Amino acid sequence: MPIPFPFSAVVAQEEMKRSLLIAAIDPSIGGVLVFGDRGTGKSTAIRGLAALLPKMQAVDCTYNCDPDASDEALCADCREKRAKGTALKGRKVPVPVVDLPLGATEDRVIGALDLERALTKGEKAFEPGLLARAHRGFLYIDEVNLLEDHLVDSLLDVAASGENLVEREGLSVRHPARFVLVGSGNPEEGELRPQLQDRFGLSVEVKTPTDLPTRMKVVRLRDAFERDRTAFVQKWKAKDGKVRRLIEKGRALLPEVSVPDATLEAAGKLCIKLGTDGLRGELTLIRAARALAALQGDKEVTVDHLKEIATSALRHRLRRDPLDESGSTSRVERAVQELFGE
């Protein structure tokens, strides 16, 4: 497995790095969509974060079930063991980070009949797919806007329910599939289906740095990494460790973070002003602001947290306004300024 570029060594792109950390602290936010120019560190940052995530407790089963989870969140095998009185023993395992390649078949993604066992033993058995492997982890899709429609439909169903239902070749299998969806892409190569775009909690726009010192630093660090990856990773190990501890502290603090009514009211006013569809925008905004507060060590969500995360949480939820030529980012920033000032 190739050595990933250290997350802490990624230069600039602060909104992207912050959004990925927020999603790592609270997976219920719904993942991160990163759109922008080629060669701006999108996949580099995502793979770098995956390498430093704290390990999780998991049962030794196909789906890495949480030994402390409720029966509803367990796979069929683990539920059966618990029903028989067998204790589910956990072990520390890395958080799964699964790549979903563009050319993947539907069988590979959602799972299918295990042909080898069917042919050699005459048994109907389920062969889990990428969604099963990604349970309790991250599912990463590069060039997500080029994903085939039938795979998008499968992802939408699973993202909505947290379960994957496979019914084919006489099989009927239901298994847990809760993961953080992370997608990246270049908008010049095609638009993302609105239904899938809405499933991402946060949306980030990345651009090529225009100032010379930043560009020089990016090139210098990347060149050093390519010349000696092991030494470069070792040099940044301490800073990556600091990021890992931030995630651990944020996760521990998250249940204690409160959201006052005044902050809820502010979030509602912002979403009403922007005309966002439904209440998913408000819910995501509050969850993201709470995770940001936990990341920063705060126990109460304030308007300042809302202002900091509002653009990432809402820019992809706005209706197109033919009378407003400004982009969605500018519209959110303008609304935040008008409501809350500096």
C-alpha atoms as a PDB file:
ATOM      1  CA  MET A   1       0.000   0.000   0.000  1.00  0.00           C
ATOM      2  CA  PRO A   2       1.508   3.388  -1.013  1.00  0.00           C
ATOM      3  CA  ILE A   3       2.502   5.800   1.743  1.00  0.00           C
ATOM      4  CA  PRO A   4       0.030   8.730   1.827  1.00  0.00           C
ATOM      5  CA  PHE A   5       1.123  12.367   1.968  1.00  0.00           C
ATOM      6  CA  PRO A   6       0.794  13.651   5.587  1.00  0.00           C
ATOM      7  CA  PHE A   7      -2.452  15.517   6.238  1.00  0.00           C
ATOM      8  CA  SER A   8      -0.691  18.197   8.285  1.00  0.00           C
ATOM      9  CA  ALA A   9       1.674  18.922   5.379  1.00  0.00           C
ATOM     10  CA  VAL A  10      -1.148  19.929   3.022  1.00  0.00           C
ATOM     11  CA  VAL A  11      -0.608  23.635   2.302  1.00  0.00           C
ATOM     12  CA  ALA A  12      -3.512  26.137   2.375  1.00  0.00           C
ATOM     13  CA  GLN A  13      -6.993  24.709   1.494  1.00  0.00           C
ATOM     14  CA  GLU A  14      -8.090  25.433   5.072  1.00  0.00           C
ATOM     15  CA  GLU A  15     -11.811  25.053   4.380  1.00  0.00           C
ATOM     16  CA  MET A  16     -11.285  21.573   2.953  1.00  0.00           C
ATOM     17  CA  LYS A  17      -9.107  20.424   5.867  1.00  0.00           C
ATOM     18  CA  ARG A  18     -11.532  21.837   8.437  1.00  0.00           C
ATOM     19  CA  SER A  19     -14.515  20.160   6.769  1.00  0.00           C
ATOM     20  CA  LEU A  20     -12.772  16.776   6.689  1.00  0.00           C
ATOM     21  CA  LEU A  21     -11.890  17.065  10.386  1.00  0.00           C
ATOM     22  CA  ILE A  22     -15.499  17.989  11.227  1.00  0.00           C
ATOM     23  CA  ALA A  23     -16.759  14.923   9.331  1.00  0.00           C
ATOM     24  CA  ALA A  24     -14.274  12.754  11.224  1.00  0.00           C
ATOM     25  CA  ILE A  25     -15.562  14.068  14.557  1.00  0.00           C
ATOM     26  CA  ASP A  26     -19.262  13.683  13.694  1.00  0.00           C
ATOM     27  CA  PRO A  27     -19.978  11.196  10.863  1.00  0.00           C
ATOM     28  CA  SER A  28     -23.721  11.967  11.103  1.00  0.00           C
ATOM     29  CA  ILE A  29     -23.082  15.248   9.266  1.00  0.00           C
ATOM     30  CA  GLY A  30     -23.210  13.316   6.007  1.00  0.00           C
ATOM     31  CA  GLY A  31     -19.755  13.545   4.515  1.00  0.00           C
ATOM     32  CA  VAL A  32     -17.852  16.044   2.412  1.00  0.00           C
ATOM     33  CA  LEU A  33     -17.980  17.005  -1.260  1.00  0.00           C
ATOM     34  CA  VAL A  34     -14.765  18.600  -2.541  1.00  0.00           C
ATOM     35  CA  PHE A  35     -14.997  20.277  -5.946  1.00  0.00           C
ATOM     36  CA  GLY A  36     -12.288  22.266  -7.665  1.00  0.00           C
ATOM     37  CA  ASP A  37      -9.322  22.502  -9.975  1.00  0.00           C
ATOM     38  CA  ARG A  38      -7.159  19.519 -10.776  1.00  0.00           C
ATOM     39  CA  GLY A  39      -3.958  19.196  -8.755  1.00  0.00           C
ATOM     40  CA  THR A  40      -5.161  21.155  -5.710  1.00  0.00           C
ATOM     41  CA  GLY A  41      -4.683  18.386  -3.146  1.00  0.00           C
ATOM     42  CA  LYS A  42      -8.253  17.031  -2.963  1.00  0.00           C
ATOM     43  CA  SER A  43      -7.474  13.306  -2.924  1.00  0.00           C
ATOM     44  CA  THR A  44      -4.154  13.952  -1.158  1.00  0.00           C
ATOM     45  CA  ALA A  45      -5.896  15.524   1.857  1.00  0.00           C
ATOM     46  CA  ILE A  46      -8.596  12.851   1.993  1.00  0.00           C
ATOM     47  CA  ARG A  47      -6.114   9.972   1.930  1.00  0.00           C
ATOM     48  CA  GLY A  48      -3.885  11.795   4.415  1.00  0.00           C
ATOM     49  CA  LEU A  49      -6.741  12.160   6.907  1.00  0.00           C
ATOM     50  CA  ALA A  50      -7.633   8.490   6.558  1.00  0.00           C
ATOM     51  CA  ALA A  51      -4.099   7.502   7.530  1.00  0.00           C
ATOM     52  CA  LEU A  52      -4.239   9.300  10.880  1.00  0.00           C
ATOM     53  CA  LEU A  53      -7.753   8.460  12.062  1.00  0.00           C
ATOM     54  CA  PRO A  54      -7.822   6.843  15.534  1.00  0.00           C
ATOM     55  CA  LYS A  55      -8.519   3.091  15.531  1.00  0.00           C
ATOM     56  CA  MET A  56     -12.007   1.830  16.424  1.00  0.00           C
ATOM     57  CA  GLN A  57     -13.412  -1.109  18.392  1.00  0.00           C
ATOM     58  CA  ALA A  58     -14.867  -3.750  16.086  1.00  0.00           C
ATOM     59  CA  VAL A  59     -16.120  -7.322  16.198  1.00  0.00           C
ATOM     60  CA  ASP A  60     -14.220  -9.838  14.075  1.00  0.00           C
ATOM     61  CA  CYS A  61     -16.976 -10.091  11.466  1.00  0.00           C
ATOM     62  CA  THR A  62     -17.467  -9.172   7.818  1.00  0.00           C
ATOM     63  CA  TYR A  63     -18.940  -5.769   8.645  1.00  0.00           C
ATOM     64  CA  ASN A  64     -16.710  -4.595  11.542  1.00  0.00           C
ATOM     65  CA  CYS A  65     -19.741  -4.275  13.829  1.00  0.00           C
ATOM     66  CA  ASP A  66     -19.458  -2.184  16.981  1.00  0.00           C
ATOM     67  CA  PRO A  67     -19.528  -4.596  19.968  1.00  0.00           C
ATOM     68  CA  ASP A  68     -21.485  -2.019  21.999  1.00  0.00           C
ATOM     69  CA  ALA A  69     -24.049  -1.233  19.286  1.00  0.00           C
ATOM     70  CA  SER A  70     -27.769  -1.912  19.604  1.00  0.00           C
ATOM     71  CA  ASP A  71     -29.213  -5.010  17.917  1.00  0.00           C
ATOM     72  CA  GLU A  72     -30.576  -2.915  15.054  1.00  0.00           C
ATOM     73  CA  ALA A  73     -27.077  -1.712  14.133  1.00  0.00           C
ATOM     74  CA  LEU A  74     -25.551  -5.209  14.060  1.00  0.00           C
ATOM     75  CA  CYS A  75     -25.255  -7.607  11.157  1.00  0.00           C
ATOM     76  CA  ALA A  76     -27.344 -10.812  11.177  1.00  0.00           C
ATOM     77  CA  ASP A  77     -24.459 -12.986  12.440  1.00  0.00           C
ATOM     78  CA  CYS A  78     -23.674 -10.693  15.371  1.00  0.00           C
ATOM     79  CA  ARG A  79     -27.366 -10.387  16.295  1.00  0.00           C
ATOM     80  CA  GLU A  80     -27.646 -14.164  16.312  1.00  0.00           C
ATOM     81  CA  LYS A  81     -24.591 -14.519  18.567  1.00  0.00           C
ATOM     82  CA  ARG A  82     -25.929 -11.938  21.007  1.00  0.00           C
ATOM     83  CA  ALA A  83     -29.351 -13.611  21.041  1.00  0.00           C
ATOM     84  CA  LYS A  84     -27.651 -16.866  22.058  1.00  0.00           C
ATOM     85  CA  GLY A  85     -25.918 -15.076  24.928  1.00  0.00           C
ATOM     86  CA  THR A  86     -22.474 -14.968  23.332  1.00  0.00           C
ATOM     87  CA  ALA A  87     -20.551 -11.818  24.237  1.00  0.00           C
ATOM     88  CA  LEU A  88     -19.334  -9.793  21.277  1.00  0.00           C
ATOM     89  CA  LYS A  89     -15.621  -9.214  21.728  1.00  0.00           C
ATOM     90  CA  GLY A  90     -14.089  -6.121  20.194  1.00  0.00           C
ATOM     91  CA  ARG A  91     -10.594  -5.433  18.942  1.00  0.00           C
ATOM     92  CA  LYS A  92      -8.861  -2.276  17.772  1.00  0.00           C
ATOM     93  CA  VAL A  93      -8.857  -2.000  13.979  1.00  0.00           C
ATOM     94  CA  PRO A  94      -8.102   0.846  11.558  1.00  0.00           C
ATOM     95  CA  VAL A  95     -11.099   2.829  10.335  1.00  0.00           C
ATOM     96  CA  PRO A  96     -11.891   1.452   6.860  1.00  0.00           C
ATOM     97  CA  VAL A  97     -11.379   3.823   3.951  1.00  0.00           C
ATOM     98  CA  VAL A  98     -12.745   2.293   0.752  1.00  0.00           C
ATOM     99  CA  ASP A  99     -12.257   3.641  -2.761  1.00  0.00           C
ATOM    100  CA  LEU A 100     -15.195   3.310  -5.121  1.00  0.00           C
ATOM    101  CA  PRO A 101     -13.702   3.280  -8.644  1.00  0.00           C
ATOM    102  CA  LEU A 102     -15.717   4.778 -11.480  1.00  0.00           C
ATOM    103  CA  GLY A 103     -15.719   1.545 -13.460  1.00  0.00           C
ATOM    104  CA  ALA A 104     -17.014  -0.615 -10.617  1.00  0.00           C
ATOM    105  CA  THR A 105     -19.904  -2.930 -11.391  1.00  0.00           C
ATOM    106  CA  GLU A 106     -23.081  -2.873  -9.336  1.00  0.00           C
ATOM    107  CA  ASP A 107     -22.258  -6.346  -8.000  1.00  0.00           C
ATOM    108  CA  ARG A 108     -18.900  -5.146  -6.744  1.00  0.00           C
ATOM    109  CA  VAL A 109     -20.467  -2.141  -5.024  1.00  0.00           C
ATOM    110  CA  ILE A 110     -23.548  -3.634  -3.336  1.00  0.00           C
ATOM    111  CA  GLY A 111     -22.523  -7.320  -3.222  1.00  0.00           C
ATOM    112  CA  ALA A 112     -23.731 -10.408  -5.040  1.00  0.00           C
ATOM    113  CA  LEU A 113     -23.957 -14.182  -5.041  1.00  0.00           C
ATOM    114  CA  ASP A 114     -20.651 -15.880  -4.159  1.00  0.00           C
ATOM    115  CA  LEU A 115     -20.161 -17.750  -7.423  1.00  0.00           C
ATOM    116  CA  GLU A 116     -17.246 -19.853  -6.184  1.00  0.00           C
ATOM    117  CA  ARG A 117     -19.272 -21.355  -3.334  1.00  0.00           C
ATOM    118  CA  ALA A 118     -22.301 -21.715  -5.570  1.00  0.00           C
ATOM    119  CA  LEU A 119     -20.347 -23.669  -8.192  1.00  0.00           C
ATOM    120  CA  THR A 120     -18.104 -25.758  -5.921  1.00  0.00           C
ATOM    121  CA  LYS A 121     -20.467 -26.459  -3.006  1.00  0.00           C
ATOM    122  CA  GLY A 122     -23.894 -25.701  -4.409  1.00  0.00           C
ATOM    123  CA  GLU A 123     -24.506 -23.151  -1.624  1.00  0.00           C
ATOM    124  CA  LYS A 124     -26.205 -19.791  -1.965  1.00  0.00           C
ATOM    125  CA  ALA A 125     -23.935 -17.407  -0.098  1.00  0.00           C
ATOM    126  CA  PHE A 126     -23.535 -13.643  -0.139  1.00  0.00           C
ATOM    127  CA  GLU A 127     -20.282 -12.026  -1.232  1.00  0.00           C
ATOM    128  CA  PRO A 128     -20.181  -8.552   0.396  1.00  0.00           C
ATOM    129  CA  GLY A 129     -19.358  -5.547  -1.761  1.00  0.00           C
ATOM    130  CA  LEU A 130     -17.621  -2.216  -1.224  1.00  0.00           C
ATOM    131  CA  LEU A 131     -20.543  -0.820   0.802  1.00  0.00           C
ATOM    132  CA  ALA A 132     -20.080  -3.611   3.352  1.00  0.00           C
ATOM    133  CA  ARG A 133     -16.355  -2.922   3.607  1.00  0.00           C
ATOM    134  CA  ALA A 134     -16.995   0.797   4.136  1.00  0.00           C
ATOM    135  CA  HIS A 135     -19.373   0.288   7.099  1.00  0.00           C
ATOM    136  CA  ARG A 136     -18.332   2.523  10.041  1.00  0.00           C
ATOM    137  CA  GLY A 137     -15.651   4.100   7.871  1.00  0.00           C
ATOM    138  CA  PHE A 138     -15.245   6.279   4.809  1.00  0.00           C
ATOM    139  CA  LEU A 139     -16.345   5.659   1.231  1.00  0.00           C
ATOM    140  CA  TYR A 140     -14.258   7.784  -1.112  1.00  0.00           C
ATOM    141  CA  ILE A 141     -15.305   8.500  -4.695  1.00  0.00           C
ATOM    142  CA  ASP A 142     -12.880  10.414  -6.886  1.00  0.00           C
ATOM    143  CA  GLU A 143     -14.521  12.104  -9.893  1.00  0.00           C
ATOM    144  CA  VAL A 144     -17.880  11.563  -8.181  1.00  0.00           C
ATOM    145  CA  ASN A 145     -19.650  13.673 -10.810  1.00  0.00           C
ATOM    146  CA  LEU A 146     -18.763  11.033 -13.426  1.00  0.00           C
ATOM    147  CA  LEU A 147     -20.297   8.160 -11.456  1.00  0.00           C
ATOM    148  CA  GLU A 148     -22.794   6.092 -13.434  1.00  0.00           C
ATOM    149  CA  ASP A 149     -26.475   6.656 -12.685  1.00  0.00           C
ATOM    150  CA  HIS A 150     -27.222   3.112 -11.487  1.00  0.00           C
ATOM    151  CA  LEU A 151     -24.451   3.384  -8.884  1.00  0.00           C
ATOM    152  CA  VAL A 152     -25.732   6.796  -7.794  1.00  0.00           C
ATOM    153  CA  ASP A 153     -29.171   5.255  -7.247  1.00  0.00           C
ATOM    154  CA  SER A 154     -27.674   2.522  -5.064  1.00  0.00           C
ATOM    155  CA  LEU A 155     -25.714   5.058  -3.024  1.00  0.00           C
ATOM    156  CA  LEU A 156     -28.800   7.220  -2.494  1.00  0.00           C
ATOM    157  CA  ASP A 157     -30.797   4.274  -1.136  1.00  0.00           C
ATOM    158  CA  VAL A 158     -28.059   3.236   1.287  1.00  0.00           C
ATOM    159  CA  ALA A 159     -27.241   6.792   2.379  1.00  0.00           C
ATOM    160  CA  ALA A 160     -30.895   7.363   3.269  1.00  0.00           C
ATOM    161  CA  SER A 161     -31.426   4.126   5.226  1.00  0.00           C
ATOM    162  CA  GLY A 162     -27.983   3.182   6.577  1.00  0.00           C
ATOM    163  CA  GLU A 163     -28.655  -0.349   5.320  1.00  0.00           C
ATOM    164  CA  ASN A 164     -27.867  -2.202   2.124  1.00  0.00           C
ATOM    165  CA  LEU A 165     -30.578  -4.525   0.818  1.00  0.00           C
ATOM    166  CA  VAL A 166     -29.524  -7.021  -1.834  1.00  0.00           C
ATOM    167  CA  GLU A 167     -32.149  -9.135  -3.559  1.00  0.00           C
ATOM    168  CA  ARG A 168     -30.914 -11.151  -6.544  1.00  0.00           C
ATOM    169  CA  GLU A 169     -30.269 -14.714  -7.711  1.00  0.00           C
ATOM    170  CA  GLY A 170     -32.548 -16.028  -4.983  1.00  0.00           C
ATOM    171  CA  LEU A 171     -30.671 -14.129  -2.255  1.00  0.00           C
ATOM    172  CA  SER A 172     -32.195 -11.633   0.125  1.00  0.00           C
ATOM    173  CA  VAL A 173     -29.574 -10.039   2.368  1.00  0.00           C
ATOM    174  CA  ARG A 174     -29.792  -6.922   4.515  1.00  0.00           C
ATOM    175  CA  HIS A 175     -26.697  -5.587   6.259  1.00  0.00           C
ATOM    176  CA  PRO A 176     -25.654  -2.306   7.963  1.00  0.00           C
ATOM    177  CA  ALA A 177     -23.840   0.183   5.740  1.00  0.00           C
ATOM    178  CA  ARG A 178     -23.250   3.468   7.534  1.00  0.00           C
ATOM    179  CA  PHE A 179     -20.278   5.408   6.282  1.00  0.00           C
ATOM    180  CA  VAL A 180     -18.976   8.910   5.717  1.00  0.00           C
ATOM    181  CA  LEU A 181     -19.319   9.677   2.025  1.00  0.00           C
ATOM    182  CA  VAL A 182     -16.427  11.715   0.631  1.00  0.00           C
ATOM    183  CA  GLY A 183     -16.438  12.777  -2.997  1.00  0.00           C
ATOM    184  CA  SER A 184     -14.110  14.870  -5.090  1.00  0.00           C
ATOM    185  CA  GLY A 185     -14.254  16.109  -8.639  1.00  0.00           C
ATOM    186  CA  ASN A 186     -13.726  18.836 -11.201  1.00  0.00           C
ATOM    187  CA  PRO A 187     -16.964  20.707 -12.052  1.00  0.00           C
ATOM    188  CA  GLU A 188     -15.701  21.361 -15.580  1.00  0.00           C
ATOM    189  CA  GLU A 189     -16.070  17.634 -16.313  1.00  0.00           C
ATOM    190  CA  GLY A 190     -19.777  17.443 -15.495  1.00  0.00           C
ATOM    191  CA  GLU A 191     -22.376  18.319 -12.864  1.00  0.00           C
ATOM    192  CA  LEU A 192     -23.309  16.132  -9.927  1.00  0.00           C
ATOM    193  CA  ARG A 193     -26.874  14.853  -9.730  1.00  0.00           C
ATOM    194  CA  PRO A 194     -28.810  17.117  -7.316  1.00  0.00           C
ATOM    195  CA  GLN A 195     -30.160  14.140  -5.340  1.00  0.00           C
ATOM    196  CA  LEU A 196     -26.634  12.928  -4.557  1.00  0.00           C
ATOM    197  CA  GLN A 197     -25.265  16.409  -3.989  1.00  0.00           C
ATOM    198  CA  ASP A 198     -27.903  17.006  -1.316  1.00  0.00           C
ATOM    199  CA  ARG A 199     -26.717  13.909   0.562  1.00  0.00           C
ATOM    200  CA  PHE A 200     -23.318  15.447   1.252  1.00  0.00           C
ATOM    201  CA  GLY A 201     -23.293  17.347   4.523  1.00  0.00           C
ATOM    202  CA  LEU A 202     -20.575  19.817   3.581  1.00  0.00           C
ATOM    203  CA  SER A 203     -19.484  21.143   0.201  1.00  0.00           C
ATOM    204  CA  VAL A 204     -16.042  22.655  -0.329  1.00  0.00           C
ATOM    205  CA  GLU A 205     -14.625  24.590  -3.253  1.00  0.00           C
ATOM    206  CA  VAL A 206     -10.857  24.449  -3.769  1.00  0.00           C
ATOM    207  CA  LYS A 207      -8.850  26.630  -6.102  1.00  0.00           C
ATOM    208  CA  THR A 208      -5.285  26.729  -7.339  1.00  0.00           C
ATOM    209  CA  PRO A 209      -3.224  29.082  -5.117  1.00  0.00           C
ATOM    210  CA  THR A 210      -2.454  32.345  -6.893  1.00  0.00           C
ATOM    211  CA  ASP A 211       0.267  33.746  -4.620  1.00  0.00           C
ATOM    212  CA  LEU A 212       3.846  32.777  -5.408  1.00  0.00           C
ATOM    213  CA  PRO A 213       5.053  31.850  -1.858  1.00  0.00           C
ATOM    214  CA  THR A 214       2.209  29.329  -1.400  1.00  0.00           C
ATOM    215  CA  ARG A 215       2.837  27.743  -4.795  1.00  0.00           C
ATOM    216  CA  MET A 216       6.561  27.475  -4.044  1.00  0.00           C
ATOM    217  CA  LYS A 217       5.854  25.821  -0.681  1.00  0.00           C
ATOM    218  CA  VAL A 218       3.475  23.277  -2.233  1.00  0.00           C
ATOM    219  CA  VAL A 219       6.018  22.313  -4.901  1.00  0.00           C
ATOM    220  CA  ARG A 220       8.888  22.123  -2.404  1.00  0.00           C
ATOM    221  CA  LEU A 221       6.990  19.852   0.009  1.00  0.00           C
ATOM    222  CA  ARG A 222       5.622  17.584  -2.705  1.00  0.00           C
ATOM    223  CA  ASP A 223       9.044  17.225  -4.284  1.00  0.00           C
ATOM    224  CA  ALA A 224      10.593  16.326  -0.910  1.00  0.00           C
ATOM    225  CA  PHE A 225       7.862  13.722  -0.364  1.00  0.00           C
ATOM    226  CA  GLU A 226       8.422  12.097  -3.752  1.00  0.00           C
ATOM    227  CA  ARG A 227      12.207  11.914  -3.235  1.00  0.00           C
ATOM    228  CA  ASP A 228      12.024  10.150   0.149  1.00  0.00           C
ATOM    229  CA  ARG A 229       8.522   9.311   1.356  1.00  0.00           C
ATOM    230  CA  THR A 230       9.543   7.519   4.536  1.00  0.00           C
ATOM    231  CA  ALA A 231      11.770  10.343   5.773  1.00  0.00           C
ATOM    232  CA  PHE A 232       9.165  12.972   4.863  1.00  0.00           C
ATOM    233  CA  VAL A 233       6.380  11.171   6.748  1.00  0.00           C
ATOM    234  CA  GLN A 234       8.651  10.757   9.770  1.00  0.00           C
ATOM    235  CA  LYS A 235       9.390  14.506   9.725  1.00  0.00           C
ATOM    236  CA  TRP A 236       5.654  15.320   9.864  1.00  0.00           C
ATOM    237  CA  LYS A 237       4.745  12.513  12.286  1.00  0.00           C
ATOM    238  CA  ALA A 238       4.514  14.791  15.330  1.00  0.00           C
ATOM    239  CA  LYS A 239       2.204  17.278  13.586  1.00  0.00           C
ATOM    240  CA  ASP A 240      -0.005  14.485  12.288  1.00  0.00           C
ATOM    241  CA  GLY A 241      -0.123  13.119  15.836  1.00  0.00           C
ATOM    242  CA  LYS A 242      -1.368  16.490  17.034  1.00  0.00           C
ATOM    243  CA  VAL A 243      -4.193  16.372  14.465  1.00  0.00           C
ATOM    244  CA  ARG A 244      -5.087  12.839  15.599  1.00  0.00           C
ATOM    245  CA  ARG A 245      -5.341  14.023  19.208  1.00  0.00           C
ATOM    246  CA  LEU A 246      -7.563  16.925  18.100  1.00  0.00           C
ATOM    247  CA  ILE A 247      -9.959  14.439  16.513  1.00  0.00           C
ATOM    248  CA  GLU A 248      -9.951  12.228  19.619  1.00  0.00           C
ATOM    249  CA  LYS A 249     -10.603  15.194  21.935  1.00  0.00           C
ATOM    250  CA  GLY A 250     -13.310  16.516  19.623  1.00  0.00           C
ATOM    251  CA  ARG A 251     -15.106  13.164  19.564  1.00  0.00           C
ATOM    252  CA  ALA A 252     -14.960  12.920  23.355  1.00  0.00           C
ATOM    253  CA  LEU A 253     -16.255  16.484  23.831  1.00  0.00           C
ATOM    254  CA  LEU A 254     -19.020  16.339  21.193  1.00  0.00           C
ATOM    255  CA  PRO A 255     -21.765  14.840  23.450  1.00  0.00           C
ATOM    256  CA  GLU A 256     -21.225  17.675  25.945  1.00  0.00           C
ATOM    257  CA  VAL A 257     -21.564  20.510  23.420  1.00  0.00           C
ATOM    258  CA  SER A 258     -24.883  22.360  23.778  1.00  0.00           C
ATOM    259  CA  VAL A 259     -26.781  24.431  21.220  1.00  0.00           C
ATOM    260  CA  PRO A 260     -28.647  27.394  22.789  1.00  0.00           C
ATOM    261  CA  ASP A 261     -32.021  28.480  21.406  1.00  0.00           C
ATOM    262  CA  ALA A 262     -30.468  31.746  20.217  1.00  0.00           C
ATOM    263  CA  THR A 263     -28.073  29.811  17.976  1.00  0.00           C
ATOM    264  CA  LEU A 264     -30.902  27.622  16.638  1.00  0.00           C
ATOM    265  CA  GLU A 265     -32.877  30.775  15.875  1.00  0.00           C
ATOM    266  CA  ALA A 266     -29.894  32.289  14.060  1.00  0.00           C
ATOM    267  CA  ALA A 267     -29.483  29.137  11.943  1.00  0.00           C
ATOM    268  CA  GLY A 268     -33.181  29.188  11.060  1.00  0.00           C
ATOM    269  CA  LYS A 269     -33.090  32.864  10.050  1.00  0.00           C
ATOM    270  CA  LEU A 270     -30.096  32.239   7.800  1.00  0.00           C
ATOM    271  CA  CYS A 271     -31.727  29.300   6.026  1.00  0.00           C
ATOM    272  CA  ILE A 272     -35.001  31.218   5.584  1.00  0.00           C
ATOM    273  CA  LYS A 273     -33.121  34.185   4.118  1.00  0.00           C
ATOM    274  CA  LEU A 274     -31.301  31.897   1.663  1.00  0.00           C
ATOM    275  CA  GLY A 275     -34.473  29.963   0.789  1.00  0.00           C
ATOM    276  CA  THR A 276     -32.936  26.517   1.294  1.00  0.00           C
ATOM    277  CA  ASP A 277     -35.235  23.582   0.493  1.00  0.00           C
ATOM    278  CA  GLY A 278     -36.418  21.501   3.445  1.00  0.00           C
ATOM    279  CA  LEU A 279     -34.780  21.416   6.866  1.00  0.00           C
ATOM    280  CA  ARG A 280     -31.716  19.329   6.008  1.00  0.00           C
ATOM    281  CA  GLY A 281     -29.680  22.518   5.601  1.00  0.00           C
ATOM    282  CA  GLU A 282     -30.492  23.741   9.100  1.00  0.00           C
ATOM    283  CA  LEU A 283     -29.872  20.334  10.642  1.00  0.00           C
ATOM    284  CA  THR A 284     -26.517  19.990   8.892  1.00  0.00           C
ATOM    285  CA  LEU A 285     -25.547  23.545   9.786  1.00  0.00           C
ATOM    286  CA  ILE A 286     -26.222  22.921  13.479  1.00  0.00           C
ATOM    287  CA  ARG A 287     -24.437  19.553  13.503  1.00  0.00           C
ATOM    288  CA  ALA A 288     -21.421  20.972  11.674  1.00  0.00           C
ATOM    289  CA  ALA A 289     -21.266  23.986  14.008  1.00  0.00           C
ATOM    290  CA  ARG A 290     -21.439  21.651  17.024  1.00  0.00           C
ATOM    291  CA  ALA A 291     -18.597  19.495  15.635  1.00  0.00           C
ATOM    292  CA  LEU A 292     -16.587  22.648  14.912  1.00  0.00           C
ATOM    293  CA  ALA A 293     -17.112  23.792  18.502  1.00  0.00           C
ATOM    294  CA  ALA A 294     -15.904  20.390  19.735  1.00  0.00           C
ATOM    295  CA  LEU A 295     -12.875  20.616  17.445  1.00  0.00           C
ATOM    296  CA  GLN A 296     -12.044  24.016  18.930  1.00  0.00           C
ATOM    297  CA  GLY A 297     -12.624  22.837  22.510  1.00  0.00           C
ATOM    298  CA  ASP A 298     -15.822  24.864  23.099  1.00  0.00           C
ATOM    299  CA  LYS A 299     -18.809  23.478  25.007  1.00  0.00           C
ATOM    300  CA  GLU A 300     -21.428  25.800  23.524  1.00  0.00           C
ATOM    301  CA  VAL A 301     -22.259  26.539  19.894  1.00  0.00           C
ATOM    302  CA  THR A 302     -22.298  30.263  19.146  1.00  0.00           C
ATOM    303  CA  VAL A 303     -23.185  32.396  16.143  1.00  0.00           C
ATOM    304  CA  ASP A 304     -19.468  32.652  15.435  1.00  0.00           C
ATOM    305  CA  HIS A 305     -19.368  28.875  14.850  1.00  0.00           C
ATOM    306  CA  LEU A 306     -22.354  29.201  12.498  1.00  0.00           C
ATOM    307  CA  LYS A 307     -20.668  31.989  10.562  1.00  0.00           C
ATOM    308  CA  GLU A 308     -17.491  29.968  10.185  1.00  0.00           C
ATOM    309  CA  ILE A 309     -19.167  26.845   8.774  1.00  0.00           C
ATOM    310  CA  ALA A 310     -22.251  28.318   7.035  1.00  0.00           C
ATOM    311  CA  THR A 311     -20.724  28.503   3.543  1.00  0.00           C
ATOM    312  CA  SER A 312     -19.588  24.863   3.590  1.00  0.00           C
ATOM    313  CA  ALA A 313     -22.930  23.637   4.934  1.00  0.00           C
ATOM    314  CA  LEU A 314     -25.255  25.641   2.674  1.00  0.00           C
ATOM    315  CA  ARG A 315     -23.594  26.586  -0.627  1.00  0.00           C
ATOM    316  CA  HIS A 316     -24.810  23.402  -2.364  1.00  0.00           C
ATOM    317  CA  ARG A 317     -28.388  23.683  -1.084  1.00  0.00           C
ATOM    318  CA  LEU A 318     -29.427  26.931  -2.762  1.00  0.00           C
ATOM    319  CA  ARG A 319     -31.907  27.219  -5.590  1.00  0.00           C
ATOM    320  CA  ARG A 320     -30.583  28.842  -8.723  1.00  0.00           C
ATOM    321  CA  ASP A 321     -31.682  32.463  -8.900  1.00  0.00           C
ATOM    322  CA  PRO A 322     -31.775  33.725 -12.514  1.00  0.00           C
ATOM    323  CA  LEU A 323     -31.840  37.325 -11.224  1.00  0.00           C
ATOM    324  CA  ASP A 324     -28.701  36.874  -9.132  1.00  0.00           C
ATOM    325  CA  GLU A 325     -25.542  36.341 -11.156  1.00  0.00           C
ATOM    326  CA  SER A 326     -23.336  35.828  -8.109  1.00  0.00           C
ATOM    327  CA  GLY A 327     -22.342  32.281  -7.192  1.00  0.00           C
ATOM    328  CA  SER A 328     -23.767  30.322  -4.267  1.00  0.00           C
ATOM    329  CA  THR A 329     -20.667  31.000  -2.155  1.00  0.00           C
ATOM    330  CA  SER A 330     -21.106  34.760  -2.522  1.00  0.00           C
ATOM    331  CA  ARG A 331     -24.830  34.494  -1.747  1.00  0.00           C
ATOM    332  CA  VAL A 332     -24.185  32.656   1.540  1.00  0.00           C
ATOM    333  CA  GLU A 333     -21.410  35.047   2.535  1.00  0.00           C
ATOM    334  CA  ARG A 334     -23.626  38.042   1.757  1.00  0.00           C
ATOM    335  CA  ALA A 335     -26.528  36.622   3.795  1.00  0.00           C
ATOM    336  CA  VAL A 336     -24.233  35.919   6.756  1.00  0.00           C
ATOM    337  CA  GLN A 337     -22.912  39.479   6.559  1.00  0.00           C
ATOM    338  CA  GLU A 338     -26.387  41.007   6.402  1.00  0.00           C
ATOM    339  CA  LEU A 339     -27.729  38.945   9.316  1.00  0.00           C
ATOM    340  CA  PHE A 340     -24.777  38.791  11.660  1.00  0.00           C
ATOM    341  CA  GLY A 341     -22.350  41.492  10.527  1.00  0.00           C
ATOM    342  CA  GLU A 342     -18.604  41.146  11.024  1.00  0.00           C
END
